[in-house]
Structure formats: C-alpha cells, structure tokens
Protein backbone atom coordinates (compact mmCIF):
# COMPACT_ATOMS: atom_id res chain seq x y z
CA UNK A 1 -9.67 -7.20 3.49
CA UNK A 2 -10.27 -3.48 3.71
CA UNK A 3 -9.16 -1.27 0.88
CA UNK A 4 -8.27 2.38 1.34
CA UNK A 5 -7.93 5.35 -0.93
CA UNK A 6 -5.74 8.27 0.08
CA UNK A 7 -7.27 11.69 -0.43
CA UNK A 8 -5.75 15.11 -0.07
CA UNK A 9 -8.07 17.82 1.24
CA UNK A 10 -7.35 21.49 1.04
CA UNK A 11 -9.13 23.16 3.92
CA UNK A 12 -9.46 26.80 4.87
CA UNK A 13 -8.31 27.83 8.33
CA UNK A 14 -11.94 27.86 9.48
CA UNK A 15 -12.60 24.37 8.07
CA UNK A 16 -9.43 23.07 9.72
CA UNK A 17 -10.54 24.57 13.03
CA UNK A 18 -13.93 22.89 12.60
CA UNK A 19 -12.34 19.51 11.88
CA UNK A 20 -10.09 19.84 14.92
CA UNK A 21 -13.09 20.71 17.10
CA UNK A 22 -15.15 17.82 15.69
CA UNK A 23 -12.31 15.42 16.43
CA UNK A 24 -11.95 16.72 19.98
CA UNK A 25 -15.69 16.44 20.57
CA UNK A 26 -15.89 12.89 19.24
CA UNK A 27 -12.88 11.90 21.36
CA UNK A 28 -14.63 13.23 24.45
CA UNK A 29 -17.95 11.52 23.65
CA UNK A 30 -16.41 8.19 22.61
CA UNK A 31 -13.74 8.34 25.31
CA UNK A 32 -11.34 7.03 22.68
CA UNK A 33 -8.33 8.37 20.81
CA UNK A 34 -10.10 8.97 17.47
CA UNK A 35 -8.28 10.48 14.50
CA UNK A 36 -9.29 13.31 12.22
CA UNK A 37 -9.99 10.68 9.56
CA UNK A 38 -12.44 9.02 11.98
CA UNK A 39 -14.13 12.39 12.49
CA UNK A 40 -14.43 12.98 8.74
CA UNK A 41 -16.03 9.56 8.23
CA UNK A 42 -18.45 10.22 11.09
CA UNK A 43 -19.40 13.55 9.49
CA UNK A 44 -19.88 11.83 6.12
CA UNK A 45 -22.15 9.19 7.68
CA UNK A 46 -24.19 11.90 9.39
CA UNK A 47 -24.52 13.90 6.16
CA UNK A 48 -25.75 10.83 4.25
CA UNK A 49 -28.20 10.02 7.05
CA UNK A 50 -29.56 13.58 7.09
CA UNK A 51 -30.09 13.47 3.33
CA UNK A 52 -32.13 10.29 3.78
CA UNK A 53 -34.06 11.18 6.92
CA UNK A 54 -34.40 14.97 6.92
CA UNK A 55 -34.57 15.92 3.25
CA UNK A 56 -36.52 14.71 0.27
CA UNK A 57 -33.92 14.09 -2.41
CA UNK A 58 -36.12 14.61 -5.48
CA UNK A 59 -34.12 12.49 -7.93
CA UNK A 60 -34.84 8.81 -7.20
CA UNK A 61 -31.48 7.74 -8.65
CA UNK A 62 -29.58 10.17 -6.40
CA UNK A 63 -31.67 9.14 -3.38
CA UNK A 64 -30.87 5.47 -4.02
CA UNK A 65 -27.19 6.30 -4.41
CA UNK A 66 -27.20 8.14 -1.07
CA UNK A 67 -29.08 5.29 0.66
CA UNK A 68 -26.79 2.61 -0.75
CA UNK A 69 -23.63 4.53 0.14
CA UNK A 70 -24.81 5.10 3.72
CA UNK A 71 -25.87 1.47 4.16
CA UNK A 72 -22.59 0.21 2.71
CA UNK A 73 -20.61 2.57 4.94
CA UNK A 74 -22.42 1.28 8.01
CA UNK A 75 -22.13 -2.37 6.96
CA UNK A 76 -18.36 -2.05 6.68
CA UNK A 77 -17.88 0.34 9.58
CA UNK A 78 -14.31 0.15 10.85
CA UNK A 79 -14.24 3.42 12.78
CA UNK A 80 -15.42 2.02 16.09
CA UNK A 81 -17.33 4.56 18.13
CA UNK A 82 -16.82 7.49 15.79
CA UNK A 83 -20.49 8.21 15.21
CA UNK A 84 -22.55 11.33 15.65
C-alpha cells in the first residue's frame, strides 16, 4: 500500500513557468502523459542524486540522510518513466 501526503506549494510566476516547462519536457522525453507531481518527484530525485554524486556533503549524518532518502525513493518508485 502506498501512502501519500498532500502538500501545498506557493510558487512564484517564474517557478510555475519552470515547473510547467519541466513537465512538458518530461512528457516529450517519456512519451507519456506525466503530471506536474511526477515532474516534481523527478526533480527531487535528481537533486538528491546530485548531492550524492556531485557534491561532498560535509556532515556525515546529512549525507546519510540524503543517500537513504534517494535510495528509498528509488526503491518505491511509482512515477514510471518520470526520471531525469
């Protein structure tokens, strides 16, 4: 069973435009009708991956938290082809 939490985001016009563009780009790449929620999750997964692979998070506790969250996200991936 998958649990969900509803979040409300307040985005600027520029952030909203960016999210719309990200969604359109992912739809084109995945050739699937992805949602804006799918696009946000894909962006989150990419951000966690970049923290692990491209940056040295100096605090070992924070680094472990980032690694665990990314691995858990991938292990329970329900977003289909919404990856970057």
